[in-house]
Amino acid sequence: MLTDILAVVAGFAAWSVLWLGGNPQVLKLFPGALQKDGSLYHTGALLTLLVFAAAVSMVAGYVVTLVSGGANLPLILGIILLLVGIMVQRQYWKLMPLWYHLLFLGLLIPATLFGASLG
């Protein structure tokens, strides 16, 4: 039980560290895409962020499986990522297009499960 909890925490921590550390680096590839008000409508930057989010979710799924082989843990992690993602995306709702929010949130669980299947 404790190992399962630690596995989910490790997966969530991996996702958070990679996203928070990598997001600014991805945006550096698109100078001027991020507006002063925080809005982002540059299609290339948004698509790159979606690919990055999917990759980060796959790593998180792999980590949760690596730490503990619990069958439902990747799904639990994916649901937690989705719930936290909804809360965060609500803060940026008017700063990015709707399609980005929906794809970002829609990719979290499948990408996490796919990453877990690699472990």
PDB file of N, CA and C in Angstrom:
ATOM      1  N   MET A   1       0.827  -1.197   0.000  1.00  0.00           N
ATOM      2  CA  MET A   1       0.000   0.000   0.000  1.00  0.00           C
ATOM      3  C   MET A   1       0.869   1.259   0.000  1.00  0.00           C
ATOM      4  N   LEU A   2       1.855   1.300   0.898  1.00  0.00           N
ATOM      5  CA  LEU A   2       2.746   2.454   0.963  1.00  0.00           C
ATOM      6  C   LEU A   2       3.535   2.601  -0.328  1.00  0.00           C
ATOM      7  N   THR A   3       3.970   1.485  -0.891  1.00  0.00           N
ATOM      8  CA  THR A   3       4.702   1.515  -2.155  1.00  0.00           C
ATOM      9  C   THR A   3       3.817   2.063  -3.269  1.00  0.00           C
ATOM     10  N   ASP A   4       2.542   1.710  -3.259  1.00  0.00           N
ATOM     11  CA  ASP A   4       1.613   2.210  -4.278  1.00  0.00           C
ATOM     12  C   ASP A   4       1.448   3.724  -4.165  1.00  0.00           C
ATOM     13  N   ILE A   5       1.303   4.205  -2.939  1.00  0.00           N
ATOM     14  CA  ILE A   5       1.167   5.651  -2.724  1.00  0.00           C
ATOM     15  C   ILE A   5       2.432   6.366  -3.176  1.00  0.00           C
ATOM     16  N   LEU A   6       3.578   5.824  -2.801  1.00  0.00           N
ATOM     17  CA  LEU A   6       4.846   6.429  -3.208  1.00  0.00           C
ATOM     18  C   LEU A   6       5.021   6.406  -4.720  1.00  0.00           C
ATOM     19  N   ALA A   7       4.541   5.367  -5.369  1.00  0.00           N
ATOM     20  CA  ALA A   7       4.632   5.273  -6.821  1.00  0.00           C
ATOM     21  C   ALA A   7       3.816   6.373  -7.493  1.00  0.00           C
ATOM     22  N   VAL A   8       2.606   6.593  -7.012  1.00  0.00           N
ATOM     23  CA  VAL A   8       1.764   7.647  -7.583  1.00  0.00           C
ATOM     24  C   VAL A   8       2.380   9.018  -7.305  1.00  0.00           C
ATOM     25  N   VAL A   9       2.882   9.224  -6.096  1.00  0.00           N
ATOM     26  CA  VAL A   9       3.541  10.496  -5.762  1.00  0.00           C
ATOM     27  C   VAL A   9       4.772  10.696  -6.645  1.00  0.00           C
ATOM     28  N   ALA A  10       5.541   9.636  -6.878  1.00  0.00           N
ATOM     29  CA  ALA A  10       6.732   9.738  -7.732  1.00  0.00           C
ATOM     30  C   ALA A  10       6.339  10.081  -9.166  1.00  0.00           C
ATOM     31  N   GLY A  11       5.288   9.460  -9.674  1.00  0.00           N
ATOM     32  CA  GLY A  11       4.824   9.771 -11.024  1.00  0.00           C
ATOM     33  C   GLY A  11       4.345  11.207 -11.139  1.00  0.00           C
ATOM     34  N   PHE A  12       3.601  11.665 -10.149  1.00  0.00           N
ATOM     35  CA  PHE A  12       3.102  13.043 -10.143  1.00  0.00           C
ATOM     36  C   PHE A  12       4.271  14.024 -10.037  1.00  0.00           C
ATOM     37  N   ALA A  13       5.227  13.709  -9.180  1.00  0.00           N
ATOM     38  CA  ALA A  13       6.404  14.575  -9.020  1.00  0.00           C
ATOM     39  C   ALA A  13       7.207  14.632 -10.318  1.00  0.00           C
ATOM     40  N   ALA A  14       7.372  13.487 -10.967  1.00  0.00           N
ATOM     41  CA  ALA A  14       8.098  13.460 -12.245  1.00  0.00           C
ATOM     42  C   ALA A  14       7.393  14.338 -13.264  1.00  0.00           C
ATOM     43  N   TRP A  15       6.072  14.208 -13.365  1.00  0.00           N
ATOM     44  CA  TRP A  15       5.310  15.020 -14.307  1.00  0.00           C
ATOM     45  C   TRP A  15       5.496  16.507 -13.996  1.00  0.00           C
ATOM     46  N   SER A  16       5.364  16.859 -12.734  1.00  0.00           N
ATOM     47  CA  SER A  16       5.440  18.265 -12.329  1.00  0.00           C
ATOM     48  C   SER A  16       6.814  18.867 -12.609  1.00  0.00           C
ATOM     49  N   VAL A  17       7.858  18.148 -12.236  1.00  0.00           N
ATOM     50  CA  VAL A  17       9.213  18.656 -12.432  1.00  0.00           C
ATOM     51  C   VAL A  17       9.521  18.807 -13.925  1.00  0.00           C
ATOM     52  N   LEU A  18       9.169  17.799 -14.703  1.00  0.00           N
ATOM     53  CA  LEU A  18       9.444  17.867 -16.141  1.00  0.00           C
ATOM     54  C   LEU A  18       8.641  18.974 -16.817  1.00  0.00           C
ATOM     55  N   TRP A  19       7.376  19.107 -16.458  1.00  0.00           N
ATOM     56  CA  TRP A  19       6.538  20.134 -17.084  1.00  0.00           C
ATOM     57  C   TRP A  19       6.993  21.537 -16.687  1.00  0.00           C
ATOM     58  N   LEU A  20       7.185  21.739 -15.398  1.00  0.00           N
ATOM     59  CA  LEU A  20       7.570  23.085 -14.943  1.00  0.00           C
ATOM     60  C   LEU A  20       8.968  23.469 -15.419  1.00  0.00           C
ATOM     61  N   GLY A  21       9.847  22.489 -15.522  1.00  0.00           N
ATOM     62  CA  GLY A  21      11.192  22.774 -16.005  1.00  0.00           C
ATOM     63  C   GLY A  21      11.279  22.882 -17.514  1.00  0.00           C
ATOM     64  N   GLY A  22      10.481  22.099 -18.217  1.00  0.00           N
ATOM     65  CA  GLY A  22      10.574  22.053 -19.667  1.00  0.00           C
ATOM     66  C   GLY A  22       9.691  23.041 -20.401  1.00  0.00           C
ATOM     67  N   ASN A  23       8.581  23.419 -19.811  1.00  0.00           N
ATOM     68  CA  ASN A  23       7.644  24.335 -20.454  1.00  0.00           C
ATOM     69  C   ASN A  23       8.324  25.640 -20.896  1.00  0.00           C
ATOM     70  N   PRO A  24       9.084  26.295 -20.029  1.00  0.00           N
ATOM     71  CA  PRO A  24       9.764  27.528 -20.476  1.00  0.00           C
ATOM     72  C   PRO A  24      10.779  27.259 -21.591  1.00  0.00           C
ATOM     73  N   GLN A  25      11.402  26.089 -21.561  1.00  0.00           N
ATOM     74  CA  GLN A  25      12.379  25.752 -22.600  1.00  0.00           C
ATOM     75  C   GLN A  25      11.689  25.556 -23.948  1.00  0.00           C
ATOM     76  N   VAL A  26      10.528  24.923 -23.935  1.00  0.00           N
ATOM     77  CA  VAL A  26       9.768  24.741 -25.174  1.00  0.00           C
ATOM     78  C   VAL A  26       9.360  26.101 -25.734  1.00  0.00           C
ATOM     79  N   LEU A  27       8.908  26.991 -24.868  1.00  0.00           N
ATOM     80  CA  LEU A  27       8.461  28.304 -25.327  1.00  0.00           C
ATOM     81  C   LEU A  27       9.606  29.142 -25.889  1.00  0.00           C
ATOM     82  N   LYS A  28      10.845  28.853 -25.461  1.00  0.00           N
ATOM     83  CA  LYS A  28      11.996  29.563 -26.020  1.00  0.00           C
ATOM     84  C   LYS A  28      12.187  29.257 -27.509  1.00  0.00           C
ATOM     85  N   LEU A  29      11.634  28.146 -27.963  1.00  0.00           N
ATOM     86  CA  LEU A  29      11.713  27.799 -29.380  1.00  0.00           C
ATOM     87  C   LEU A  29      10.844  28.716 -30.240  1.00  0.00           C
ATOM     88  N   PHE A  30       9.940  29.441 -29.589  1.00  0.00           N
ATOM     89  CA  PHE A  30       8.991  30.304 -30.297  1.00  0.00           C
ATOM     90  C   PHE A  30       9.031  31.714 -29.704  1.00  0.00           C
ATOM     91  N   PRO A  31      10.104  32.456 -29.980  1.00  0.00           N
ATOM     92  CA  PRO A  31      10.224  33.803 -29.410  1.00  0.00           C
ATOM     93  C   PRO A  31       9.036  34.682 -29.833  1.00  0.00           C
ATOM     94  N   GLY A  32       8.507  35.376 -28.879  1.00  0.00           N
ATOM     95  CA  GLY A  32       7.394  36.281 -29.150  1.00  0.00           C
ATOM     96  C   GLY A  32       6.032  35.608 -29.160  1.00  0.00           C
ATOM     97  N   ALA A  33       5.985  34.301 -29.037  1.00  0.00           N
ATOM     98  CA  ALA A  33       4.689  33.605 -29.063  1.00  0.00           C
ATOM     99  C   ALA A  33       3.886  33.880 -27.800  1.00  0.00           C
ATOM    100  N   LEU A  34       4.572  33.938 -26.671  1.00  0.00           N
ATOM    101  CA  LEU A  34       3.895  34.208 -25.402  1.00  0.00           C
ATOM    102  C   LEU A  34       3.743  35.716 -25.252  1.00  0.00           C
ATOM    103  N   GLN A  35       2.524  36.172 -25.206  1.00  0.00           N
ATOM    104  CA  GLN A  35       2.245  37.600 -25.130  1.00  0.00           C
ATOM    105  C   GLN A  35       2.460  38.126 -23.707  1.00  0.00           C
ATOM    106  N   LYS A  36       2.572  39.431 -23.576  1.00  0.00           N
ATOM    107  CA  LYS A  36       2.817  40.050 -22.266  1.00  0.00           C
ATOM    108  C   LYS A  36       1.697  39.774 -21.271  1.00  0.00           C
ATOM    109  N   ASP A  37       0.477  39.598 -21.780  1.00  0.00           N
ATOM    110  CA  ASP A  37      -0.647  39.316 -20.885  1.00  0.00           C
ATOM    111  C   ASP A  37      -0.735  37.827 -20.525  1.00  0.00           C
ATOM    112  N   GLY A  38       0.209  37.026 -21.029  1.00  0.00           N
ATOM    113  CA  GLY A  38       0.235  35.605 -20.729  1.00  0.00           C
ATOM    114  C   GLY A  38      -0.502  34.754 -21.743  1.00  0.00           C
ATOM    115  N   SER A  39      -1.120  35.394 -22.728  1.00  0.00           N
ATOM    116  CA  SER A  39      -1.859  34.621 -23.723  1.00  0.00           C
ATOM    117  C   SER A  39      -0.910  33.970 -24.714  1.00  0.00           C
ATOM    118  N   LEU A  40      -1.377  32.873 -25.273  1.00  0.00           N
ATOM    119  CA  LEU A  40      -0.581  32.105 -26.225  1.00  0.00           C
ATOM    120  C   LEU A  40      -1.521  31.535 -27.279  1.00  0.00           C
ATOM    121  N   TYR A  41      -1.375  32.044 -28.508  1.00  0.00           N
ATOM    122  CA  TYR A  41      -2.225  31.574 -29.602  1.00  0.00           C
ATOM    123  C   TYR A  41      -1.406  31.102 -30.796  1.00  0.00           C
ATOM    124  N   HIS A  42      -0.107  31.013 -30.645  1.00  0.00           N
ATOM    125  CA  HIS A  42       0.773  30.566 -31.721  1.00  0.00           C
ATOM    126  C   HIS A  42       0.596  29.057 -31.889  1.00  0.00           C
ATOM    127  N   THR A  43       0.085  28.652 -33.039  1.00  0.00           N
ATOM    128  CA  THR A  43      -0.263  27.248 -33.272  1.00  0.00           C
ATOM    129  C   THR A  43       0.938  26.324 -33.108  1.00  0.00           C
ATOM    130  N   GLY A  44       2.077  26.706 -33.640  1.00  0.00           N
ATOM    131  CA  GLY A  44       3.273  25.867 -33.527  1.00  0.00           C
ATOM    132  C   GLY A  44       3.687  25.658 -32.086  1.00  0.00           C
ATOM    133  N   ALA A  45       3.655  26.728 -31.303  1.00  0.00           N
ATOM    134  CA  ALA A  45       4.017  26.624 -29.885  1.00  0.00           C
ATOM    135  C   ALA A  45       3.022  25.737 -29.145  1.00  0.00           C
ATOM    136  N   LEU A  46       1.738  25.913 -29.423  1.00  0.00           N
ATOM    137  CA  LEU A  46       0.714  25.115 -28.741  1.00  0.00           C
ATOM    138  C   LEU A  46       0.821  23.636 -29.094  1.00  0.00           C
ATOM    139  N   LEU A  47       1.052  23.339 -30.360  1.00  0.00           N
ATOM    140  CA  LEU A  47       1.200  21.936 -30.762  1.00  0.00           C
ATOM    141  C   LEU A  47       2.452  21.313 -30.147  1.00  0.00           C
ATOM    142  N   THR A  48       3.516  22.089 -30.079  1.00  0.00           N
ATOM    143  CA  THR A  48       4.747  21.594 -29.455  1.00  0.00           C
ATOM    144  C   THR A  48       4.523  21.331 -27.972  1.00  0.00           C
ATOM    145  N   LEU A  49       3.788  22.217 -27.312  1.00  0.00           N
ATOM    146  CA  LEU A  49       3.468  22.005 -25.898  1.00  0.00           C
ATOM    147  C   LEU A  49       2.610  20.750 -25.708  1.00  0.00           C
ATOM    148  N   LEU A  50       1.708  20.480 -26.635  1.00  0.00           N
ATOM    149  CA  LEU A  50       0.888  19.268 -26.537  1.00  0.00           C
ATOM    150  C   LEU A  50       1.742  18.009 -26.677  1.00  0.00           C
ATOM    151  N   VAL A  51       2.667  18.021 -27.610  1.00  0.00           N
ATOM    152  CA  VAL A  51       3.573  16.877 -27.777  1.00  0.00           C
ATOM    153  C   VAL A  51       4.418  16.710 -26.520  1.00  0.00           C
ATOM    154  N   PHE A  52       4.902  17.821 -25.991  1.00  0.00           N
ATOM    155  CA  PHE A  52       5.703  17.775 -24.771  1.00  0.00           C
ATOM    156  C   PHE A  52       4.882  17.245 -23.598  1.00  0.00           C
ATOM    157  N   ALA A  53       3.640  17.706 -23.470  1.00  0.00           N
ATOM    158  CA  ALA A  53       2.762  17.236 -22.384  1.00  0.00           C
ATOM    159  C   ALA A  53       2.516  15.742 -22.497  1.00  0.00           C
ATOM    160  N   ALA A  54       2.324  15.255 -23.717  1.00  0.00           N
ATOM    161  CA  ALA A  54       2.112  13.813 -23.907  1.00  0.00           C
ATOM    162  C   ALA A  54       3.364  13.039 -23.509  1.00  0.00           C
ATOM    163  N   ALA A  55       4.539  13.543 -23.888  1.00  0.00           N
ATOM    164  CA  ALA A  55       5.789  12.868 -23.534  1.00  0.00           C
ATOM    165  C   ALA A  55       5.998  12.859 -22.020  1.00  0.00           C
ATOM    166  N   VAL A  56       5.717  13.975 -21.378  1.00  0.00           N
ATOM    167  CA  VAL A  56       5.860  14.067 -19.923  1.00  0.00           C
ATOM    168  C   VAL A  56       4.885  13.113 -19.233  1.00  0.00           C
ATOM    169  N   SER A  57       3.679  13.009 -19.756  1.00  0.00           N
ATOM    170  CA  SER A  57       2.692  12.083 -19.192  1.00  0.00           C
ATOM    171  C   SER A  57       3.140  10.637 -19.361  1.00  0.00           C
ATOM    172  N   MET A  58       3.761  10.323 -20.492  1.00  0.00           N
ATOM    173  CA  MET A  58       4.275   8.967 -20.702  1.00  0.00           C
ATOM    174  C   MET A  58       5.383   8.650 -19.699  1.00  0.00           C
ATOM    175  N   VAL A  59       6.261   9.617 -19.457  1.00  0.00           N
ATOM    176  CA  VAL A  59       7.324   9.410 -18.460  1.00  0.00           C
ATOM    177  C   VAL A  59       6.710   9.178 -17.089  1.00  0.00           C
ATOM    178  N   ALA A  60       5.709   9.958 -16.737  1.00  0.00           N
ATOM    179  CA  ALA A  60       5.055   9.799 -15.434  1.00  0.00           C
ATOM    180  C   ALA A  60       4.424   8.418 -15.304  1.00  0.00           C
ATOM    181  N   GLY A  61       3.784   7.955 -16.360  1.00  0.00           N
ATOM    182  CA  GLY A  61       3.198   6.614 -16.342  1.00  0.00           C
ATOM    183  C   GLY A  61       4.261   5.539 -16.208  1.00  0.00           C
ATOM    184  N   TYR A  62       5.374   5.733 -16.882  1.00  0.00           N
ATOM    185  CA  TYR A  62       6.486   4.787 -16.788  1.00  0.00           C
ATOM    186  C   TYR A  62       7.049   4.761 -15.367  1.00  0.00           C
ATOM    187  N   VAL A  63       7.175   5.941 -14.760  1.00  0.00           N
ATOM    188  CA  VAL A  63       7.720   6.032 -13.399  1.00  0.00           C
ATOM    189  C   VAL A  63       6.817   5.310 -12.407  1.00  0.00           C
ATOM    190  N   VAL A  64       5.516   5.516 -12.504  1.00  0.00           N
ATOM    191  CA  VAL A  64       4.607   4.876 -11.549  1.00  0.00           C
ATOM    192  C   VAL A  64       4.686   3.353 -11.670  1.00  0.00           C
ATOM    193  N   THR A  65       4.868   2.859 -12.878  1.00  0.00           N
ATOM    194  CA  THR A  65       4.998   1.416 -13.083  1.00  0.00           C
ATOM    195  C   THR A  65       6.354   0.907 -12.612  1.00  0.00           C
ATOM    196  N   LEU A  66       7.370   1.719 -12.805  1.00  0.00           N
ATOM    197  CA  LEU A  66       8.723   1.352 -12.385  1.00  0.00           C
ATOM    198  C   LEU A  66       8.810   1.222 -10.862  1.00  0.00           C
ATOM    199  N   VAL A  67       8.170   2.157 -10.163  1.00  0.00           N
ATOM    200  CA  VAL A  67       8.226   2.156  -8.703  1.00  0.00           C
ATOM    201  C   VAL A  67       7.368   1.042  -8.118  1.00  0.00           C
ATOM    202  N   SER A  68       6.191   0.819  -8.701  1.00  0.00           N
ATOM    203  CA  SER A  68       5.299  -0.232  -8.205  1.00  0.00           C
ATOM    204  C   SER A  68       4.506  -0.788  -9.374  1.00  0.00           C
ATOM    205  N   GLY A  69       4.396  -2.073  -9.440  1.00  0.00           N
ATOM    206  CA  GLY A  69       3.692  -2.705 -10.549  1.00  0.00           C
ATOM    207  C   GLY A  69       2.196  -2.780 -10.381  1.00  0.00           C
ATOM    208  N   GLY A  70       1.629  -1.986  -9.482  1.00  0.00           N
ATOM    209  CA  GLY A  70       0.191  -2.030  -9.253  1.00  0.00           C
ATOM    210  C   GLY A  70      -0.593  -1.762 -10.523  1.00  0.00           C
ATOM    211  N   ALA A  71      -1.540  -2.619 -10.837  1.00  0.00           N
ATOM    212  CA  ALA A  71      -2.249  -2.572 -12.116  1.00  0.00           C
ATOM    213  C   ALA A  71      -3.055  -1.290 -12.313  1.00  0.00           C
ATOM    214  N   ASN A  72      -3.665  -0.772 -11.271  1.00  0.00           N
ATOM    215  CA  ASN A  72      -4.521   0.404 -11.411  1.00  0.00           C
ATOM    216  C   ASN A  72      -3.798   1.721 -11.169  1.00  0.00           C
ATOM    217  N   LEU A  73      -2.553   1.661 -10.774  1.00  0.00           N
ATOM    218  CA  LEU A  73      -1.840   2.884 -10.402  1.00  0.00           C
ATOM    219  C   LEU A  73      -1.683   3.880 -11.551  1.00  0.00           C
ATOM    220  N   PRO A  74      -1.361   3.445 -12.762  1.00  0.00           N
ATOM    221  CA  PRO A  74      -1.268   4.429 -13.842  1.00  0.00           C
ATOM    222  C   PRO A  74      -2.596   5.151 -14.097  1.00  0.00           C
ATOM    223  N   LEU A  75      -3.702   4.439 -13.986  1.00  0.00           N
ATOM    224  CA  LEU A  75      -5.003   5.073 -14.159  1.00  0.00           C
ATOM    225  C   LEU A  75      -5.269   6.065 -13.032  1.00  0.00           C
ATOM    226  N   ILE A  76      -4.933   5.684 -11.819  1.00  0.00           N
ATOM    227  CA  ILE A  76      -5.110   6.595 -10.684  1.00  0.00           C
ATOM    228  C   ILE A  76      -4.274   7.849 -10.889  1.00  0.00           C
ATOM    229  N   LEU A  77      -3.014   7.672 -11.309  1.00  0.00           N
ATOM    230  CA  LEU A  77      -2.160   8.831 -11.593  1.00  0.00           C
ATOM    231  C   LEU A  77      -2.763   9.678 -12.700  1.00  0.00           C
ATOM    232  N   GLY A  78      -3.237   9.044 -13.759  1.00  0.00           N
ATOM    233  CA  GLY A  78      -3.843   9.782 -14.858  1.00  0.00           C
ATOM    234  C   GLY A  78      -5.046  10.603 -14.416  1.00  0.00           C
ATOM    235  N   ILE A  79      -5.859  10.036 -13.553  1.00  0.00           N
ATOM    236  CA  ILE A  79      -7.031  10.755 -13.047  1.00  0.00           C
ATOM    237  C   ILE A  79      -6.600  11.937 -12.190  1.00  0.00           C
ATOM    238  N   ILE A  80      -5.588  11.743 -11.358  1.00  0.00           N
ATOM    239  CA  ILE A  80      -5.079  12.848 -10.542  1.00  0.00           C
ATOM    240  C   ILE A  80      -4.519  13.947 -11.436  1.00  0.00           C
ATOM    241  N   LEU A  81      -3.749  13.566 -12.455  1.00  0.00           N
ATOM    242  CA  LEU A  81      -3.211  14.558 -13.395  1.00  0.00           C
ATOM    243  C   LEU A  81      -4.341  15.304 -14.099  1.00  0.00           C
ATOM    244  N   LEU A  82      -5.399  14.588 -14.462  1.00  0.00           N
ATOM    245  CA  LEU A  82      -6.535  15.224 -15.114  1.00  0.00           C
ATOM    246  C   LEU A  82      -7.229  16.218 -14.179  1.00  0.00           C
ATOM    247  N   LEU A  83      -7.467  15.819 -12.939  1.00  0.00           N
ATOM    248  CA  LEU A  83      -8.140  16.717 -11.988  1.00  0.00           C
ATOM    249  C   LEU A  83      -7.308  17.966 -11.714  1.00  0.00           C
ATOM    250  N   VAL A  84      -6.012  17.788 -11.507  1.00  0.00           N
ATOM    251  CA  VAL A  84      -5.134  18.941 -11.293  1.00  0.00           C
ATOM    252  C   VAL A  84      -5.064  19.773 -12.567  1.00  0.00           C
ATOM    253  N   GLY A  85      -4.997  19.090 -13.715  1.00  0.00           N
ATOM    254  CA  GLY A  85      -4.956  19.784 -14.996  1.00  0.00           C
ATOM    255  C   GLY A  85      -6.185  20.640 -15.232  1.00  0.00           C
ATOM    256  N   ILE A  86      -7.347  20.148 -14.867  1.00  0.00           N
ATOM    257  CA  ILE A  86      -8.576  20.932 -15.020  1.00  0.00           C
ATOM    258  C   ILE A  86      -8.494  22.197 -14.181  1.00  0.00           C
ATOM    259  N   MET A  87      -8.017  22.068 -12.952  1.00  0.00           N
ATOM    260  CA  MET A  87      -7.903  23.246 -12.086  1.00  0.00           C
ATOM    261  C   MET A  87      -6.920  24.266 -12.665  1.00  0.00           C
ATOM    262  N   VAL A  88      -5.801  23.780 -13.176  1.00  0.00           N
ATOM    263  CA  VAL A  88      -4.793  24.689 -13.728  1.00  0.00           C
ATOM    264  C   VAL A  88      -5.293  25.303 -15.041  1.00  0.00           C
ATOM    265  N   GLN A  89      -5.857  24.476 -15.922  1.00  0.00           N
ATOM    266  CA  GLN A  89      -6.325  24.988 -17.209  1.00  0.00           C
ATOM    267  C   GLN A  89      -7.425  26.032 -17.035  1.00  0.00           C
ATOM    268  N   ARG A  90      -8.217  25.930 -15.998  1.00  0.00           N
ATOM    269  CA  ARG A  90      -9.255  26.940 -15.742  1.00  0.00           C
ATOM    270  C   ARG A  90      -8.642  28.314 -15.555  1.00  0.00           C
ATOM    271  N   GLN A  91      -7.455  28.362 -14.971  1.00  0.00           N
ATOM    272  CA  GLN A  91      -6.781  29.646 -14.754  1.00  0.00           C
ATOM    273  C   GLN A  91      -6.324  30.268 -16.070  1.00  0.00           C
ATOM    274  N   TYR A  92      -6.080  29.445 -17.071  1.00  0.00           N
ATOM    275  CA  TYR A  92      -5.576  29.914 -18.361  1.00  0.00           C
ATOM    276  C   TYR A  92      -6.636  29.850 -19.459  1.00  0.00           C
ATOM    277  N   TRP A  93      -7.880  29.631 -19.086  1.00  0.00           N
ATOM    278  CA  TRP A  93      -8.951  29.367 -20.037  1.00  0.00           C
ATOM    279  C   TRP A  93      -9.049  30.435 -21.121  1.00  0.00           C
ATOM    280  N   LYS A  94      -8.946  31.696 -20.744  1.00  0.00           N
ATOM    281  CA  LYS A  94      -9.097  32.792 -21.709  1.00  0.00           C
ATOM    282  C   LYS A  94      -7.785  33.160 -22.387  1.00  0.00           C
ATOM    283  N   LEU A  95      -6.703  32.514 -21.986  1.00  0.00           N
ATOM    284  CA  LEU A  95      -5.391  32.884 -22.523  1.00  0.00           C
ATOM    285  C   LEU A  95      -4.928  31.981 -23.663  1.00  0.00           C
ATOM    286  N   MET A  96      -5.663  30.895 -23.899  1.00  0.00           N
ATOM    287  CA  MET A  96      -5.314  29.944 -24.948  1.00  0.00           C
ATOM    288  C   MET A  96      -6.600  29.460 -25.604  1.00  0.00           C
ATOM    289  N   PRO A  97      -6.482  28.952 -26.839  1.00  0.00           N
ATOM    290  CA  PRO A  97      -7.697  28.493 -27.523  1.00  0.00           C
ATOM    291  C   PRO A  97      -8.288  27.230 -26.885  1.00  0.00           C
ATOM    292  N   LEU A  98      -9.583  27.084 -27.065  1.00  0.00           N
ATOM    293  CA  LEU A  98     -10.311  25.954 -26.487  1.00  0.00           C
ATOM    294  C   LEU A  98      -9.739  24.614 -26.944  1.00  0.00           C
ATOM    295  N   TRP A  99      -9.369  24.502 -28.216  1.00  0.00           N
ATOM    296  CA  TRP A  99      -8.860  23.225 -28.723  1.00  0.00           C
ATOM    297  C   TRP A  99      -7.614  22.786 -27.968  1.00  0.00           C
ATOM    298  N   TYR A 100      -6.773  23.748 -27.553  1.00  0.00           N
ATOM    299  CA  TYR A 100      -5.569  23.392 -26.804  1.00  0.00           C
ATOM    300  C   TYR A 100      -5.948  22.792 -25.448  1.00  0.00           C
ATOM    301  N   HIS A 101      -6.828  23.448 -24.732  1.00  0.00           N
ATOM    302  CA  HIS A 101      -7.242  22.954 -23.408  1.00  0.00           C
ATOM    303  C   HIS A 101      -7.829  21.546 -23.501  1.00  0.00           C
ATOM    304  N   LEU A 102      -8.705  21.350 -24.472  1.00  0.00           N
ATOM    305  CA  LEU A 102      -9.368  20.053 -24.604  1.00  0.00           C
ATOM    306  C   LEU A 102      -8.377  18.949 -24.968  1.00  0.00           C
ATOM    307  N   LEU A 103      -7.465  19.239 -25.894  1.00  0.00           N
ATOM    308  CA  LEU A 103      -6.465  18.233 -26.257  1.00  0.00           C
ATOM    309  C   LEU A 103      -5.492  17.961 -25.110  1.00  0.00           C
ATOM    310  N   PHE A 104      -5.066  19.017 -24.439  1.00  0.00           N
ATOM    311  CA  PHE A 104      -4.151  18.857 -23.302  1.00  0.00           C
ATOM    312  C   PHE A 104      -4.773  17.930 -22.264  1.00  0.00           C
ATOM    313  N   LEU A 105      -5.993  18.234 -21.879  1.00  0.00           N
ATOM    314  CA  LEU A 105      -6.663  17.425 -20.860  1.00  0.00           C
ATOM    315  C   LEU A 105      -6.981  16.022 -21.378  1.00  0.00           C
ATOM    316  N   GLY A 106      -7.377  15.934 -22.634  1.00  0.00           N
ATOM    317  CA  GLY A 106      -7.733  14.651 -23.217  1.00  0.00           C
ATOM    318  C   GLY A 106      -6.564  13.699 -23.392  1.00  0.00           C
ATOM    319  N   LEU A 107      -5.364  14.227 -23.472  1.00  0.00           N
ATOM    320  CA  LEU A 107      -4.173  13.388 -23.649  1.00  0.00           C
ATOM    321  C   LEU A 107      -3.603  12.852 -22.335  1.00  0.00           C
ATOM    322  N   LEU A 108      -3.953  13.451 -21.226  1.00  0.00           N
ATOM    323  CA  LEU A 108      -3.295  13.096 -19.959  1.00  0.00           C
ATOM    324  C   LEU A 108      -3.446  11.611 -19.606  1.00  0.00           C
ATOM    325  N   ILE A 109      -4.642  11.116 -19.562  1.00  0.00           N
ATOM    326  CA  ILE A 109      -4.847   9.719 -19.156  1.00  0.00           C
ATOM    327  C   ILE A 109      -4.308   8.734 -20.201  1.00  0.00           C
ATOM    328  N   PRO A 110      -4.646   8.891 -21.491  1.00  0.00           N
ATOM    329  CA  PRO A 110      -4.110   7.920 -22.459  1.00  0.00           C
ATOM    330  C   PRO A 110      -2.579   7.910 -22.523  1.00  0.00           C
ATOM    331  N   ALA A 111      -1.967   9.071 -22.472  1.00  0.00           N
ATOM    332  CA  ALA A 111      -0.494   9.114 -22.532  1.00  0.00           C
ATOM    333  C   ALA A 111       0.125   8.493 -21.284  1.00  0.00           C
ATOM    334  N   THR A 112      -0.486   8.717 -20.127  1.00  0.00           N
ATOM    335  CA  THR A 112       0.010   8.119 -18.898  1.00  0.00           C
ATOM    336  C   THR A 112      -0.100   6.604 -18.966  1.00  0.00           C
ATOM    337  N   LEU A 113      -1.212   6.100 -19.447  1.00  0.00           N
ATOM    338  CA  LEU A 113      -1.400   4.649 -19.579  1.00  0.00           C
ATOM    339  C   LEU A 113      -0.438   4.056 -20.603  1.00  0.00           C
ATOM    340  N   PHE A 114      -0.210   4.777 -21.683  1.00  0.00           N
ATOM    341  CA  PHE A 114       0.738   4.272 -22.680  1.00  0.00           C
ATOM    342  C   PHE A 114       2.150   4.201 -22.108  1.00  0.00           C
ATOM    343  N   GLY A 115       2.552   5.249 -21.387  1.00  0.00           N
ATOM    344  CA  GLY A 115       3.878   5.236 -20.748  1.00  0.00           C
ATOM    345  C   GLY A 115       4.011   4.084 -19.768  1.00  0.00           C
ATOM    346  N   ALA A 116       2.930   3.800 -19.042  1.00  0.00           N
ATOM    347  CA  ALA A 116       2.952   2.689 -18.084  1.00  0.00           C
ATOM    348  C   ALA A 116       3.102   1.361 -18.801  1.00  0.00           C
ATOM    349  N   SER A 117       2.543   1.255 -19.998  1.00  0.00           N
ATOM    350  CA  SER A 117       2.640  -0.009 -20.736  1.00  0.00           C
ATOM    351  C   SER A 117       4.064  -0.277 -21.221  1.00  0.00           C
ATOM    352  N   LEU A 118       4.895   0.735 -21.239  1.00  0.00           N
ATOM    353  CA  LEU A 118       6.282   0.586 -21.665  1.00  0.00           C
ATOM    354  C   LEU A 118       7.175   0.033 -20.550  1.00  0.00           C
ATOM    355  N   GLY A 119       6.656   0.099 -19.320  1.00  0.00           N
ATOM    356  CA  GLY A 119       7.454  -0.311 -18.174  1.00  0.00           C
ATOM    357  C   GLY A 119       7.408  -1.767 -17.851  1.00  0.00           C
TER     358      GLY A 119
END
